[in-house]
Amino acid sequence: MWLTRKGAIDATEGMLGVIPGSMGTRSYVVRGKGNHDGLWSAPHGAGRRFSRTKAKQLFTEQDLAAAMVGIEYRHGKEWIDEIPQAYKDIDRVMADAEPLVDVVTSLRQTMNVKGL
């Protein structure tokens, strides 16, 4: 069997990995459970709720600033499509991934740097 992972991480038994949320939410360090039914894989992140185009239509720079209170980030309209609300709830994603991975720890976002 050949296994390729698009949008997933290796979650073979004991394998450490990181499942990130958005630029304004926590990320998780995980350990794979080796779930055969899950093809030894787990999600590679929160995943988008809205496309980049739709997020730019729905949200403003002010929405982004409100979502990022307490987190240092590069301000500007070019980052609106990265607003946390454009992504799925990472805690829901992690709850759904419970059969696939154990959470080792979570990481709290304090700074986000995106380059041009």
Protein backbone atom coordinates (compact mmCIF):
# COMPACT_ATOMS: atom_id res chain seq x y z
CA MET A 1 0.00 0.00 0.00
CA TRP A 2 1.20 3.52 -0.86
CA LEU A 3 0.08 6.26 1.52
CA THR A 4 0.39 9.94 0.68
CA ARG A 5 -0.79 12.64 3.04
CA LYS A 6 -2.30 15.86 1.74
CA GLY A 7 -3.64 17.91 4.63
CA ALA A 8 -2.58 15.36 7.24
CA ILE A 9 0.35 14.52 9.49
CA ASP A 10 1.94 11.18 10.27
CA ALA A 11 0.22 9.81 13.37
CA THR A 12 1.84 6.38 13.56
CA GLU A 13 2.10 5.10 17.11
CA GLY A 14 4.43 7.28 19.18
CA MET A 15 5.13 9.78 16.36
CA LEU A 16 5.29 13.37 17.64
CA GLY A 17 3.70 16.13 15.58
CA VAL A 18 2.26 19.63 15.71
CA ILE A 19 -1.30 20.54 14.78
CA PRO A 20 -1.53 24.32 14.47
CA GLY A 21 -4.59 26.48 14.85
CA SER A 22 -4.87 29.90 13.22
CA MET A 23 -2.53 32.83 13.82
CA GLY A 24 -4.64 33.84 16.80
CA THR A 25 -5.38 30.51 18.46
CA ARG A 26 -3.46 27.75 20.21
CA SER A 27 -1.59 24.91 18.56
CA TYR A 28 -1.14 21.37 19.84
CA VAL A 29 1.84 19.06 20.22
CA VAL A 30 0.51 15.54 19.72
CA ARG A 31 1.61 11.92 19.80
CA GLY A 32 0.19 9.52 17.24
CA LYS A 33 -1.92 6.57 18.34
CA GLY A 34 -1.32 4.49 15.21
CA ASN A 35 -5.01 4.30 14.33
CA HIS A 36 -5.37 1.85 11.44
CA ASP A 37 -8.85 3.14 10.49
CA GLY A 38 -7.40 6.67 10.29
CA LEU A 39 -4.57 5.44 8.05
CA TRP A 40 -2.03 6.38 10.73
CA SER A 41 -2.77 10.06 10.02
CA ALA A 42 -4.22 13.13 11.75
CA PRO A 43 -5.23 16.64 10.63
CA HIS A 44 -2.38 19.00 9.85
CA GLY A 45 -4.21 22.07 11.14
CA ALA A 46 -7.50 23.78 11.76
CA GLY A 47 -8.41 24.13 8.09
CA ARG A 48 -10.25 27.04 6.56
CA ARG A 49 -13.94 27.84 7.13
CA PHE A 50 -13.87 30.57 4.49
CA SER A 51 -11.76 30.96 1.37
CA ARG A 52 -9.25 33.81 1.35
CA THR A 53 -11.52 35.77 -0.99
CA LYS A 54 -14.61 35.22 1.18
CA ALA A 55 -12.71 36.14 4.37
CA LYS A 56 -11.65 39.45 2.79
CA GLN A 57 -15.31 40.14 1.98
CA LEU A 58 -16.57 39.22 5.45
CA PHE A 59 -13.98 40.77 7.76
CA THR A 60 -12.24 44.12 8.27
CA GLU A 61 -8.92 45.30 9.67
CA GLN A 62 -10.84 46.26 12.83
CA ASP A 63 -12.20 42.69 13.11
CA LEU A 64 -8.66 41.37 12.79
CA ALA A 65 -7.36 43.76 15.45
CA ALA A 66 -10.15 42.70 17.84
CA ALA A 67 -9.40 39.00 17.22
CA MET A 68 -5.69 39.48 17.85
CA VAL A 69 -5.81 41.40 21.15
CA GLY A 70 -2.86 40.30 23.28
CA ILE A 71 -0.98 38.81 20.33
CA GLU A 72 1.78 40.71 18.55
CA TYR A 73 1.26 40.61 14.78
CA ARG A 74 1.83 42.59 11.60
CA HIS A 75 -1.19 44.86 11.14
CA GLY A 76 -2.71 45.59 7.74
CA LYS A 77 -5.48 44.75 5.32
CA GLU A 78 -3.27 42.20 3.54
CA TRP A 79 -3.66 39.87 6.56
CA ILE A 80 -7.46 39.95 6.84
CA ASP A 81 -7.76 36.56 5.12
CA GLU A 82 -5.75 35.06 8.02
CA ILE A 83 -8.19 36.22 10.70
CA PRO A 84 -8.85 33.41 13.21
CA GLN A 85 -12.57 33.39 12.32
CA ALA A 86 -11.64 32.30 8.77
CA TYR A 87 -10.47 28.97 10.22
CA LYS A 88 -12.27 26.07 11.86
CA ASP A 89 -12.28 25.92 15.65
CA ILE A 90 -9.02 24.14 16.54
CA ASP A 91 -10.52 22.74 19.75
CA ARG A 92 -13.32 21.08 17.74
CA VAL A 93 -10.74 19.72 15.27
CA MET A 94 -8.76 18.28 18.20
CA ALA A 95 -11.85 16.73 19.76
CA ASP A 96 -12.58 15.06 16.42
CA ALA A 97 -8.94 13.87 16.21
CA GLU A 98 -9.06 12.15 19.63
CA PRO A 99 -9.05 8.63 18.13
CA LEU A 100 -5.94 9.54 16.13
CA VAL A 101 -3.63 11.39 18.55
CA ASP A 102 -2.99 12.11 22.20
CA VAL A 103 -2.37 15.74 23.14
CA VAL A 104 1.05 16.17 24.75
CA THR A 105 0.66 19.91 25.36
CA SER A 106 -0.80 23.04 23.83
CA LEU A 107 1.04 26.17 22.77
CA ARG A 108 -0.44 29.63 23.28
CA GLN A 109 0.09 32.19 20.55
CA THR A 110 1.93 35.33 21.70
CA MET A 111 3.42 36.50 18.41
CA ASN A 112 2.73 35.88 14.75
CA VAL A 113 5.02 37.03 11.95
CA LYS A 114 3.96 36.72 8.34
CA GLY A 115 6.29 38.05 5.68
CA LEU A 116 5.78 39.64 2.34
